Amino acid sequence: ATSPATHAGDEYRLVVTNGETPQTVYVRVMIMDHRNHRNIVVLRQRLELAAGEQRVLTAVNDYGTANHFQTAIGSETTDLSFEVSLTASDGTQTAWFNERAFIRRDRN
């Protein structure tokens, strides 16, 4: 999924909630600056989630103005929900979306 433009000081927040089956979830989040052909990894996490467990991951844009944050989540099951939000440095929420905004695909 892709969020709107990001600027220095913006905070990215990902809330991941697992379903009924324990699983391993992989998360990678990048700031993508298409103009300068730069992708900066700001989060790379392997999460061991229990049934019903929720985790919150955050990152701050220390890079500067860029096109967007890009989120990739790999999971063992599709029984996973998540929300992404972006908050400007002045505290104004600039974007929010949930798993329905993401493309889901099996790796088969």
PDB file of N, CA and C in Angstrom:
ATOM      1  N   ALA A   1       0.846  -1.183   0.000  1.00  0.00           N
ATOM      2  CA  ALA A   1       0.000   0.000   0.000  1.00  0.00           C
ATOM      3  C   ALA A   1       0.876   1.224   0.000  1.00  0.00           C
ATOM      4  N   THR A   2       0.299   2.300  -0.403  1.00  0.00           N
ATOM      5  CA  THR A   2       1.020   3.548  -0.555  1.00  0.00           C
ATOM      6  C   THR A   2       0.275   4.640   0.177  1.00  0.00           C
ATOM      7  N   SER A   3       1.011   5.490   0.846  1.00  0.00           N
ATOM      8  CA  SER A   3       0.391   6.625   1.512  1.00  0.00           C
ATOM      9  C   SER A   3       0.722   7.899   0.743  1.00  0.00           C
ATOM     10  N   PRO A   4       0.049   9.007   1.062  1.00  0.00           N
ATOM     11  CA  PRO A   4       0.344  10.275   0.390  1.00  0.00           C
ATOM     12  C   PRO A   4       1.762  10.754   0.678  1.00  0.00           C
ATOM     13  N   ALA A   5       2.141  11.840   0.033  1.00  0.00           N
ATOM     14  CA  ALA A   5       3.486  12.405   0.203  1.00  0.00           C
ATOM     15  C   ALA A   5       3.844  12.518   1.675  1.00  0.00           C
ATOM     16  N   THR A   6       5.134  12.418   1.936  1.00  0.00           N
ATOM     17  CA  THR A   6       5.620  12.502   3.308  1.00  0.00           C
ATOM     18  C   THR A   6       6.708  13.556   3.388  1.00  0.00           C
ATOM     19  N   HIS A   7       6.822  14.146   4.571  1.00  0.00           N
ATOM     20  CA  HIS A   7       7.779  15.222   4.802  1.00  0.00           C
ATOM     21  C   HIS A   7       8.552  14.945   6.081  1.00  0.00           C
ATOM     22  N   ALA A   8       9.674  15.626   6.248  1.00  0.00           N
ATOM     23  CA  ALA A   8      10.505  15.453   7.446  1.00  0.00           C
ATOM     24  C   ALA A   8       9.653  15.632   8.695  1.00  0.00           C
ATOM     25  N   GLY A   9       9.825  14.719   9.637  1.00  0.00           N
ATOM     26  CA  GLY A   9       9.095  14.786  10.901  1.00  0.00           C
ATOM     27  C   GLY A   9       7.784  14.042  10.920  1.00  0.00           C
ATOM     28  N   ASP A  10       7.283  13.602   9.759  1.00  0.00           N
ATOM     29  CA  ASP A  10       6.046  12.815   9.730  1.00  0.00           C
ATOM     30  C   ASP A  10       6.261  11.499  10.464  1.00  0.00           C
ATOM     31  N   GLU A  11       5.211  11.047  11.181  1.00  0.00           N
ATOM     32  CA  GLU A  11       5.282   9.751  11.851  1.00  0.00           C
ATOM     33  C   GLU A  11       4.380   8.752  11.143  1.00  0.00           C
ATOM     34  N   TYR A  12       4.958   7.622  10.803  1.00  0.00           N
ATOM     35  CA  TYR A  12       4.253   6.481  10.220  1.00  0.00           C
ATOM     36  C   TYR A  12       3.909   5.545  11.368  1.00  0.00           C
ATOM     37  N   ARG A  13       2.681   5.027  11.362  1.00  0.00           N
ATOM     38  CA  ARG A  13       2.251   4.111  12.419  1.00  0.00           C
ATOM     39  C   ARG A  13       1.511   2.944  11.782  1.00  0.00           C
ATOM     40  N   LEU A  14       1.918   1.727  12.138  1.00  0.00           N
ATOM     41  CA  LEU A  14       1.291   0.500  11.655  1.00  0.00           C
ATOM     42  C   LEU A  14       0.806  -0.281  12.865  1.00  0.00           C
ATOM     43  N   VAL A  15      -0.487  -0.606  12.877  1.00  0.00           N
ATOM     44  CA  VAL A  15      -1.069  -1.440  13.924  1.00  0.00           C
ATOM     45  C   VAL A  15      -1.457  -2.766  13.272  1.00  0.00           C
ATOM     46  N   VAL A  16      -0.830  -3.847  13.716  1.00  0.00           N
ATOM     47  CA  VAL A  16      -1.075  -5.188  13.170  1.00  0.00           C
ATOM     48  C   VAL A  16      -1.803  -5.999  14.230  1.00  0.00           C
ATOM     49  N   THR A  17      -2.936  -6.607  13.851  1.00  0.00           N
ATOM     50  CA  THR A  17      -3.698  -7.446  14.776  1.00  0.00           C
ATOM     51  C   THR A  17      -3.831  -8.843  14.179  1.00  0.00           C
ATOM     52  N   ASN A  18      -3.363  -9.830  14.917  1.00  0.00           N
ATOM     53  CA  ASN A  18      -3.424 -11.209  14.452  1.00  0.00           C
ATOM     54  C   ASN A  18      -4.804 -11.808  14.707  1.00  0.00           C
ATOM     55  N   GLY A  19      -5.127 -12.826  13.918  1.00  0.00           N
ATOM     56  CA  GLY A  19      -6.380 -13.554  14.091  1.00  0.00           C
ATOM     57  C   GLY A  19      -6.237 -14.663  15.114  1.00  0.00           C
ATOM     58  N   GLU A  20      -6.888 -15.796  14.854  1.00  0.00           N
ATOM     59  CA  GLU A  20      -6.978 -16.878  15.829  1.00  0.00           C
ATOM     60  C   GLU A  20      -5.799 -17.846  15.836  1.00  0.00           C
ATOM     61  N   THR A  21      -4.923 -17.770  14.841  1.00  0.00           N
ATOM     62  CA  THR A  21      -3.817 -18.713  14.737  1.00  0.00           C
ATOM     63  C   THR A  21      -2.482 -17.996  14.940  1.00  0.00           C
ATOM     64  N   PRO A  22      -1.642 -18.487  15.859  1.00  0.00           N
ATOM     65  CA  PRO A  22      -0.307 -17.885  15.998  1.00  0.00           C
ATOM     66  C   PRO A  22       0.436 -17.947  14.662  1.00  0.00           C
ATOM     67  N   GLN A  23       1.221 -16.925  14.375  1.00  0.00           N
ATOM     68  CA  GLN A  23       1.951 -16.912  13.118  1.00  0.00           C
ATOM     69  C   GLN A  23       3.117 -15.931  13.163  1.00  0.00           C
ATOM     70  N   THR A  24       4.007 -16.103  12.191  1.00  0.00           N
ATOM     71  CA  THR A  24       5.114 -15.177  11.984  1.00  0.00           C
ATOM     72  C   THR A  24       4.701 -14.191  10.901  1.00  0.00           C
ATOM     73  N   VAL A  25       4.950 -12.922  11.159  1.00  0.00           N
ATOM     74  CA  VAL A  25       4.617 -11.865  10.208  1.00  0.00           C
ATOM     75  C   VAL A  25       5.871 -11.050   9.947  1.00  0.00           C
ATOM     76  N   TYR A  26       6.128 -10.757   8.693  1.00  0.00           N
ATOM     77  CA  TYR A  26       7.272  -9.947   8.293  1.00  0.00           C
ATOM     78  C   TYR A  26       6.765  -8.595   7.801  1.00  0.00           C
ATOM     79  N   VAL A  27       7.385  -7.524   8.276  1.00  0.00           N
ATOM     80  CA  VAL A  27       6.988  -6.175   7.895  1.00  0.00           C
ATOM     81  C   VAL A  27       8.212  -5.438   7.361  1.00  0.00           C
ATOM     82  N   ARG A  28       8.035  -4.777   6.215  1.00  0.00           N
ATOM     83  CA  ARG A  28       9.069  -3.885   5.678  1.00  0.00           C
ATOM     84  C   ARG A  28       8.383  -2.605   5.231  1.00  0.00           C
ATOM     85  N   VAL A  29       8.896  -1.487   5.698  1.00  0.00           N
ATOM     86  CA  VAL A  29       8.350  -0.187   5.332  1.00  0.00           C
ATOM     87  C   VAL A  29       9.494   0.663   4.793  1.00  0.00           C
ATOM     88  N   MET A  30       9.242   1.298   3.645  1.00  0.00           N
ATOM     89  CA  MET A  30      10.249   2.166   3.029  1.00  0.00           C
ATOM     90  C   MET A  30       9.662   3.550   2.779  1.00  0.00           C
ATOM     91  N   ILE A  31      10.523   4.530   2.821  1.00  0.00           N
ATOM     92  CA  ILE A  31      10.193   5.848   2.285  1.00  0.00           C
ATOM     93  C   ILE A  31      10.687   5.820   0.847  1.00  0.00           C
ATOM     94  N   MET A  32       9.805   6.165  -0.085  1.00  0.00           N
ATOM     95  CA  MET A  32      10.160   6.122  -1.498  1.00  0.00           C
ATOM     96  C   MET A  32      10.190   7.535  -2.069  1.00  0.00           C
ATOM     97  N   ASP A  33      11.345   7.897  -2.594  1.00  0.00           N
ATOM     98  CA  ASP A  33      11.555   9.200  -3.231  1.00  0.00           C
ATOM     99  C   ASP A  33      11.823   8.922  -4.708  1.00  0.00           C
ATOM    100  N   HIS A  34      10.774   8.950  -5.511  1.00  0.00           N
ATOM    101  CA  HIS A  34      10.897   8.597  -6.925  1.00  0.00           C
ATOM    102  C   HIS A  34      11.751   9.596  -7.696  1.00  0.00           C
ATOM    103  N   ARG A  35      11.636  10.855  -7.361  1.00  0.00           N
ATOM    104  CA  ARG A  35      12.382  11.897  -8.088  1.00  0.00           C
ATOM    105  C   ARG A  35      13.889  11.659  -8.001  1.00  0.00           C
ATOM    106  N   ASN A  36      14.363  11.281  -6.813  1.00  0.00           N
ATOM    107  CA  ASN A  36      15.793  11.071  -6.616  1.00  0.00           C
ATOM    108  C   ASN A  36      16.189   9.596  -6.660  1.00  0.00           C
ATOM    109  N   HIS A  37      15.243   8.734  -7.038  1.00  0.00           N
ATOM    110  CA  HIS A  37      15.497   7.295  -7.174  1.00  0.00           C
ATOM    111  C   HIS A  37      16.094   6.706  -5.892  1.00  0.00           C
ATOM    112  N   ARG A  38      15.449   7.020  -4.756  1.00  0.00           N
ATOM    113  CA  ARG A  38      15.918   6.534  -3.457  1.00  0.00           C
ATOM    114  C   ARG A  38      14.784   5.839  -2.727  1.00  0.00           C
ATOM    115  N   ASN A  39      15.085   4.697  -2.157  1.00  0.00           N
ATOM    116  CA  ASN A  39      14.176   3.955  -1.285  1.00  0.00           C
ATOM    117  C   ASN A  39      14.912   3.713   0.018  1.00  0.00           C
ATOM    118  N   ILE A  40      14.365   4.212   1.109  1.00  0.00           N
ATOM    119  CA  ILE A  40      15.017   4.126   2.407  1.00  0.00           C
ATOM    120  C   ILE A  40      14.189   3.229   3.309  1.00  0.00           C
ATOM    121  N   VAL A  41      14.743   2.111   3.730  1.00  0.00           N
ATOM    122  CA  VAL A  41      14.034   1.202   4.637  1.00  0.00           C
ATOM    123  C   VAL A  41      14.019   1.841   6.023  1.00  0.00           C
ATOM    124  N   VAL A  42      12.799   2.019   6.571  1.00  0.00           N
ATOM    125  CA  VAL A  42      12.663   2.621   7.902  1.00  0.00           C
ATOM    126  C   VAL A  42      12.170   1.621   8.942  1.00  0.00           C
ATOM    127  N   LEU A  43      11.604   0.509   8.501  1.00  0.00           N
ATOM    128  CA  LEU A  43      11.190  -0.568   9.395  1.00  0.00           C
ATOM    129  C   LEU A  43      11.436  -1.900   8.704  1.00  0.00           C
ATOM    130  N   ARG A  44      12.016  -2.813   9.437  1.00  0.00           N
ATOM    131  CA  ARG A  44      12.145  -4.199   8.975  1.00  0.00           C
ATOM    132  C   ARG A  44      12.028  -5.040  10.227  1.00  0.00           C
ATOM    133  N   GLN A  45      10.886  -5.727  10.366  1.00  0.00           N
ATOM    134  CA  GLN A  45      10.599  -6.472  11.593  1.00  0.00           C
ATOM    135  C   GLN A  45      10.068  -7.859  11.269  1.00  0.00           C
ATOM    136  N   ARG A  46      10.481  -8.800  12.075  1.00  0.00           N
ATOM    137  CA  ARG A  46       9.882 -10.138  12.081  1.00  0.00           C
ATOM    138  C   ARG A  46       9.108 -10.222  13.386  1.00  0.00           C
ATOM    139  N   LEU A  47       7.816 -10.476  13.294  1.00  0.00           N
ATOM    140  CA  LEU A  47       6.952 -10.516  14.468  1.00  0.00           C
ATOM    141  C   LEU A  47       6.437 -11.932  14.679  1.00  0.00           C
ATOM    142  N   GLU A  48       6.579 -12.430  15.888  1.00  0.00           N
ATOM    143  CA  GLU A  48       5.964 -13.696  16.290  1.00  0.00           C
ATOM    144  C   GLU A  48       4.695 -13.312  17.033  1.00  0.00           C
ATOM    145  N   LEU A  49       3.551 -13.511  16.402  1.00  0.00           N
ATOM    146  CA  LEU A  49       2.285 -13.062  16.973  1.00  0.00           C
ATOM    147  C   LEU A  49       1.472 -14.234  17.517  1.00  0.00           C
ATOM    148  N   ALA A  50       1.026 -14.094  18.753  1.00  0.00           N
ATOM    149  CA  ALA A  50       0.115 -15.061  19.359  1.00  0.00           C
ATOM    150  C   ALA A  50      -1.288 -14.818  18.817  1.00  0.00           C
ATOM    151  N   ALA A  51      -2.181 -15.733  19.055  1.00  0.00           N
ATOM    152  CA  ALA A  51      -3.581 -15.556  18.650  1.00  0.00           C
ATOM    153  C   ALA A  51      -4.123 -14.278  19.291  1.00  0.00           C
ATOM    154  N   GLY A  52      -4.705 -13.415  18.469  1.00  0.00           N
ATOM    155  CA  GLY A  52      -5.319 -12.175  18.949  1.00  0.00           C
ATOM    156  C   GLY A  52      -4.349 -11.078  19.339  1.00  0.00           C
ATOM    157  N   GLU A  53      -3.062 -11.313  19.189  1.00  0.00           N
ATOM    158  CA  GLU A  53      -2.073 -10.312  19.612  1.00  0.00           C
ATOM    159  C   GLU A  53      -2.042  -9.119  18.655  1.00  0.00           C
ATOM    160  N   GLN A  54      -1.800  -7.954  19.230  1.00  0.00           N
ATOM    161  CA  GLN A  54      -1.695  -6.718  18.456  1.00  0.00           C
ATOM    162  C   GLN A  54      -0.329  -6.083  18.707  1.00  0.00           C
ATOM    163  N   ARG A  55       0.273  -5.568  17.643  1.00  0.00           N
ATOM    164  CA  ARG A  55       1.550  -4.863  17.759  1.00  0.00           C
ATOM    165  C   ARG A  55       1.433  -3.513  17.059  1.00  0.00           C
ATOM    166  N   VAL A  56       2.143  -2.541  17.597  1.00  0.00           N
ATOM    167  CA  VAL A  56       2.195  -1.211  17.008  1.00  0.00           C
ATOM    168  C   VAL A  56       3.652  -0.924  16.648  1.00  0.00           C
ATOM    169  N   LEU A  57       3.886  -0.575  15.383  1.00  0.00           N
ATOM    170  CA  LEU A  57       5.220  -0.229  14.900  1.00  0.00           C
ATOM    171  C   LEU A  57       5.181   1.209  14.397  1.00  0.00           C
ATOM    172  N   THR A  58       6.207   1.978  14.704  1.00  0.00           N
ATOM    173  CA  THR A  58       6.257   3.370  14.258  1.00  0.00           C
ATOM    174  C   THR A  58       7.622   3.685  13.656  1.00  0.00           C
ATOM    175  N   ALA A  59       7.635   4.708  12.824  1.00  0.00           N
ATOM    176  CA  ALA A  59       8.869   5.226  12.242  1.00  0.00           C
ATOM    177  C   ALA A  59       8.659   6.715  11.986  1.00  0.00           C
ATOM    178  N   VAL A  60       9.729   7.470  12.105  1.00  0.00           N
ATOM    179  CA  VAL A  60       9.678   8.902  11.824  1.00  0.00           C
ATOM    180  C   VAL A  60      10.465   9.170  10.548  1.00  0.00           C
ATOM    181  N   ASN A  61       9.935  10.032   9.718  1.00  0.00           N
ATOM    182  CA  ASN A  61      10.613  10.405   8.480  1.00  0.00           C
ATOM    183  C   ASN A  61      11.743  11.374   8.813  1.00  0.00           C
ATOM    184  N   ASP A  62      12.959  10.845   8.855  1.00  0.00           N
ATOM    185  CA  ASP A  62      14.153  11.670   9.041  1.00  0.00           C
ATOM    186  C   ASP A  62      14.802  12.000   7.698  1.00  0.00           C
ATOM    187  N   TYR A  63      14.202  11.505   6.619  1.00  0.00           N
ATOM    188  CA  TYR A  63      14.760  11.679   5.279  1.00  0.00           C
ATOM    189  C   TYR A  63      14.432  13.058   4.702  1.00  0.00           C
ATOM    190  N   GLY A  64      13.172  13.428   4.737  1.00  0.00           N
ATOM    191  CA  GLY A  64      12.729  14.684   4.106  1.00  0.00           C
ATOM    192  C   GLY A  64      11.563  14.427   3.181  1.00  0.00           C
ATOM    193  N   THR A  65      11.281  15.360   2.298  1.00  0.00           N
ATOM    194  CA  THR A  65      10.144  15.241   1.386  1.00  0.00           C
ATOM    195  C   THR A  65      10.355  14.082   0.417  1.00  0.00           C
ATOM    196  N   ALA A  66       9.334  13.237   0.317  1.00  0.00           N
ATOM    197  CA  ALA A  66       9.382  12.076  -0.569  1.00  0.00           C
ATOM    198  C   ALA A  66       7.967  11.759  -1.042  1.00  0.00           C
ATOM    199  N   ASN A  67       7.859  10.861  -1.994  1.00  0.00           N
ATOM    200  CA  ASN A  67       6.564  10.530  -2.568  1.00  0.00           C
ATOM    201  C   ASN A  67       5.628   9.856  -1.584  1.00  0.00           C
ATOM    202  N   HIS A  68       6.138   8.863  -0.831  1.00  0.00           N
ATOM    203  CA  HIS A  68       5.255   8.121   0.060  1.00  0.00           C
ATOM    204  C   HIS A  68       6.022   7.102   0.878  1.00  0.00           C
ATOM    205  N   PHE A  69       5.331   6.561   1.883  1.00  0.00           N
ATOM    206  CA  PHE A  69       5.777   5.354   2.571  1.00  0.00           C
ATOM    207  C   PHE A  69       5.210   4.176   1.794  1.00  0.00           C
ATOM    208  N   GLN A  70       5.944   3.083   1.726  1.00  0.00           N
ATOM    209  CA  GLN A  70       5.475   1.863   1.082  1.00  0.00           C
ATOM    210  C   GLN A  70       5.541   0.757   2.117  1.00  0.00           C
ATOM    211  N   THR A  71       4.451   0.022   2.269  1.00  0.00           N
ATOM    212  CA  THR A  71       4.338  -1.019   3.282  1.00  0.00           C
ATOM    213  C   THR A  71       4.229  -2.391   2.616  1.00  0.00           C
ATOM    214  N   ALA A  72       5.050  -3.334   3.065  1.00  0.00           N
ATOM    215  CA  ALA A  72       4.945  -4.725   2.614  1.00  0.00           C
ATOM    216  C   ALA A  72       4.827  -5.600   3.858  1.00  0.00           C
ATOM    217  N   ILE A  73       3.818  -6.470   3.858  1.00  0.00           N
ATOM    218  CA  ILE A  73       3.584  -7.368   4.985  1.00  0.00           C
ATOM    219  C   ILE A  73       3.459  -8.789   4.448  1.00  0.00           C
ATOM    220  N   GLY A  74       4.270  -9.674   4.990  1.00  0.00           N
ATOM    221  CA  GLY A  74       4.182 -11.086   4.634  1.00  0.00           C
ATOM    222  C   GLY A  74       3.684 -11.858   5.847  1.00  0.00           C
ATOM    223  N   SER A  75       2.682 -12.704   5.642  1.00  0.00           N
ATOM    224  CA  SER A  75       2.121 -13.459   6.765  1.00  0.00           C
ATOM    225  C   SER A  75       1.864 -14.896   6.333  1.00  0.00           C
ATOM    226  N   GLU A  76       1.759 -15.756   7.332  1.00  0.00           N
ATOM    227  CA  GLU A  76       1.499 -17.170   7.058  1.00  0.00           C
ATOM    228  C   GLU A  76       0.033 -17.446   6.765  1.00  0.00           C
ATOM    229  N   THR A  77      -0.858 -16.609   7.274  1.00  0.00           N
ATOM    230  CA  THR A  77      -2.287 -16.746   7.011  1.00  0.00           C
ATOM    231  C   THR A  77      -2.838 -15.378   6.610  1.00  0.00           C
ATOM    232  N   THR A  78      -4.048 -15.373   6.091  1.00  0.00           N
ATOM    233  CA  THR A  78      -4.695 -14.102   5.757  1.00  0.00           C
ATOM    234  C   THR A  78      -5.537 -13.585   6.918  1.00  0.00           C
ATOM    235  N   ASP A  79      -5.501 -14.276   8.038  1.00  0.00           N
ATOM    236  CA  ASP A  79      -6.270 -13.879   9.217  1.00  0.00           C
ATOM    237  C   ASP A  79      -5.473 -12.833  10.006  1.00  0.00           C
ATOM    238  N   LEU A  80      -5.365 -11.670   9.407  1.00  0.00           N
ATOM    239  CA  LEU A  80      -4.551 -10.586   9.935  1.00  0.00           C
ATOM    240  C   LEU A  80      -5.209  -9.279   9.520  1.00  0.00           C
ATOM    241  N   SER A  81      -5.303  -8.342  10.442  1.00  0.00           N
ATOM    242  CA  SER A  81      -5.812  -7.024  10.068  1.00  0.00           C
ATOM    243  C   SER A  81      -4.767  -5.989  10.439  1.00  0.00           C
ATOM    244  N   PHE A  82      -4.804  -4.856   9.767  1.00  0.00           N
ATOM    245  CA  PHE A  82      -3.830  -3.818  10.056  1.00  0.00           C
ATOM    246  C   PHE A  82      -4.356  -2.462   9.637  1.00  0.00           C
ATOM    247  N   GLU A  83      -3.815  -1.447  10.286  1.00  0.00           N
ATOM    248  CA  GLU A  83      -4.126  -0.057   9.983  1.00  0.00           C
ATOM    249  C   GLU A  83      -2.821   0.703   9.836  1.00  0.00           C
ATOM    250  N   VAL A  84      -2.785   1.602   8.884  1.00  0.00           N
ATOM    251  CA  VAL A  84      -1.636   2.469   8.675  1.00  0.00           C
ATOM    252  C   VAL A  84      -2.114   3.899   8.810  1.00  0.00           C
ATOM    253  N   SER A  85      -1.344   4.713   9.529  1.00  0.00           N
ATOM    254  CA  SER A  85      -1.660   6.139   9.587  1.00  0.00           C
ATOM    255  C   SER A  85      -0.382   6.937   9.456  1.00  0.00           C
ATOM    256  N   LEU A  86      -0.536   8.144   8.991  1.00  0.00           N
ATOM    257  CA  LEU A  86       0.560   9.072   8.833  1.00  0.00           C
ATOM    258  C   LEU A  86       0.153  10.364   9.517  1.00  0.00           C
ATOM    259  N   THR A  87       1.022  10.859  10.396  1.00  0.00           N
ATOM    260  CA  THR A  87       0.743  12.086  11.142  1.00  0.00           C
ATOM    261  C   THR A  87       1.873  13.070  10.894  1.00  0.00           C
ATOM    262  N   ALA A  88       1.512  14.300  10.518  1.00  0.00           N
ATOM    263  CA  ALA A  88       2.504  15.347  10.271  1.00  0.00           C
ATOM    264  C   ALA A  88       3.168  15.758  11.580  1.00  0.00           C
ATOM    265  N   SER A  89       4.288  16.421  11.468  1.00  0.00           N
ATOM    266  CA  SER A  89       5.050  16.825  12.656  1.00  0.00           C
ATOM    267  C   SER A  89       4.264  17.764  13.565  1.00  0.00           C
ATOM    268  N   ASP A  90       3.242  18.441  13.029  1.00  0.00           N
ATOM    269  CA  ASP A  90       2.414  19.322  13.871  1.00  0.00           C
ATOM    270  C   ASP A  90       1.262  18.582  14.550  1.00  0.00           C
ATOM    271  N   GLY A  91       1.196  17.240  14.367  1.00  0.00           N
ATOM    272  CA  GLY A  91       0.162  16.434  15.010  1.00  0.00           C
ATOM    273  C   GLY A  91      -1.078  16.195  14.177  1.00  0.00           C
ATOM    274  N   THR A  92      -1.155  16.757  12.986  1.00  0.00           N
ATOM    275  CA  THR A  92      -2.306  16.570  12.101  1.00  0.00           C
ATOM    276  C   THR A  92      -2.211  15.225  11.389  1.00  0.00           C
ATOM    277  N   GLN A  93      -3.262  14.403  11.508  1.00  0.00           N
ATOM    278  CA  GLN A  93      -3.273  13.131  10.789  1.00  0.00           C
ATOM    279  C   GLN A  93      -3.501  13.424   9.313  1.00  0.00           C
ATOM    280  N   THR A  94      -2.592  12.956   8.469  1.00  0.00           N
ATOM    281  CA  THR A  94      -2.678  13.242   7.037  1.00  0.00           C
ATOM    282  C   THR A  94      -3.163  12.053   6.220  1.00  0.00           C
ATOM    283  N   ALA A  95      -3.119  10.847   6.795  1.00  0.00           N
ATOM    284  CA  ALA A  95      -3.604   9.674   6.067  1.00  0.00           C
ATOM    285  C   ALA A  95      -3.948   8.573   7.060  1.00  0.00           C
ATOM    286  N   TRP A  96      -4.937   7.751   6.686  1.00  0.00           N
ATOM    287  CA  TRP A  96      -5.308   6.578   7.463  1.00  0.00           C
ATOM    288  C   TRP A  96      -5.953   5.597   6.515  1.00  0.00           C
ATOM    289  N   PHE A  97      -5.565   4.326   6.613  1.00  0.00           N
ATOM    290  CA  PHE A  97      -6.246   3.281   5.867  1.00  0.00           C
ATOM    291  C   PHE A  97      -6.016   1.952   6.541  1.00  0.00           C
ATOM    292  N   ASN A  98      -6.856   0.962   6.180  1.00  0.00           N
ATOM    293  CA  ASN A  98      -6.744  -0.370   6.782  1.00  0.00           C
ATOM    294  C   ASN A  98      -6.389  -1.396   5.715  1.00  0.00           C
ATOM    295  N   GLU A  99      -6.441  -2.680   6.102  1.00  0.00           N
ATOM    296  CA  GLU A  99      -6.010  -3.745   5.197  1.00  0.00           C
ATOM    297  C   GLU A  99      -6.787  -3.788   3.890  1.00  0.00           C
ATOM    298  N   ARG A 100      -7.966  -3.209   3.844  1.00  0.00           N
ATOM    299  CA  ARG A 100      -8.752  -3.226   2.599  1.00  0.00           C
ATOM    300  C   ARG A 100      -8.113  -2.374   1.509  1.00  0.00           C
ATOM    301  N   ALA A 101      -7.205  -1.480   1.876  1.00  0.00           N
ATOM    302  CA  ALA A 101      -6.519  -0.641   0.900  1.00  0.00           C
ATOM    303  C   ALA A 101      -5.291  -1.342   0.304  1.00  0.00           C
ATOM    304  N   PHE A 102      -4.944  -2.518   0.842  1.00  0.00           N
ATOM    305  CA  PHE A 102      -3.763  -3.249   0.392  1.00  0.00           C
ATOM    306  C   PHE A 102      -4.148  -4.306  -0.636  1.00  0.00           C
ATOM    307  N   ILE A 103      -3.217  -4.659  -1.487  1.00  0.00           N
ATOM    308  CA  ILE A 103      -3.397  -5.785  -2.403  1.00  0.00           C
ATOM    309  C   ILE A 103      -2.910  -7.028  -1.669  1.00  0.00           C
ATOM    310  N   ARG A 104      -3.784  -8.024  -1.578  1.00  0.00           N
ATOM    311  CA  ARG A 104      -3.405  -9.292  -0.952  1.00  0.00           C
ATOM    312  C   ARG A 104      -3.175 -10.321  -2.046  1.00  0.00           C
ATOM    313  N   ARG A 105      -2.096 -11.070  -1.890  1.00  0.00           N
ATOM    314  CA  ARG A 105      -1.844 -12.139  -2.862  1.00  0.00           C
ATOM    315  C   ARG A 105      -1.117 -13.276  -2.196  1.00  0.00           C
ATOM    316  N   ASP A 106      -1.389 -14.488  -2.681  1.00  0.00           N
ATOM    317  CA  ASP A 106      -0.720 -15.694  -2.197  1.00  0.00           C
ATOM    318  C   ASP A 106       0.588 -15.834  -2.957  1.00  0.00           C
ATOM    319  N   ARG A 107       1.572 -16.401  -2.303  1.00  0.00           N
ATOM    320  CA  ARG A 107       2.884 -16.604  -2.934  1.00  0.00           C
ATOM    321  C   ARG A 107       2.994 -17.995  -3.540  1.00  0.00           C
ATOM    322  N   ASN A 108       1.926 -18.561  -4.015  1.00  0.00           N
ATOM    323  CA  ASN A 108       1.974 -19.919  -4.587  1.00  0.00           C
ATOM    324  C   ASN A 108       2.324 -19.883  -6.041  1.00  0.00           C
TER     325      ASN A 108
END
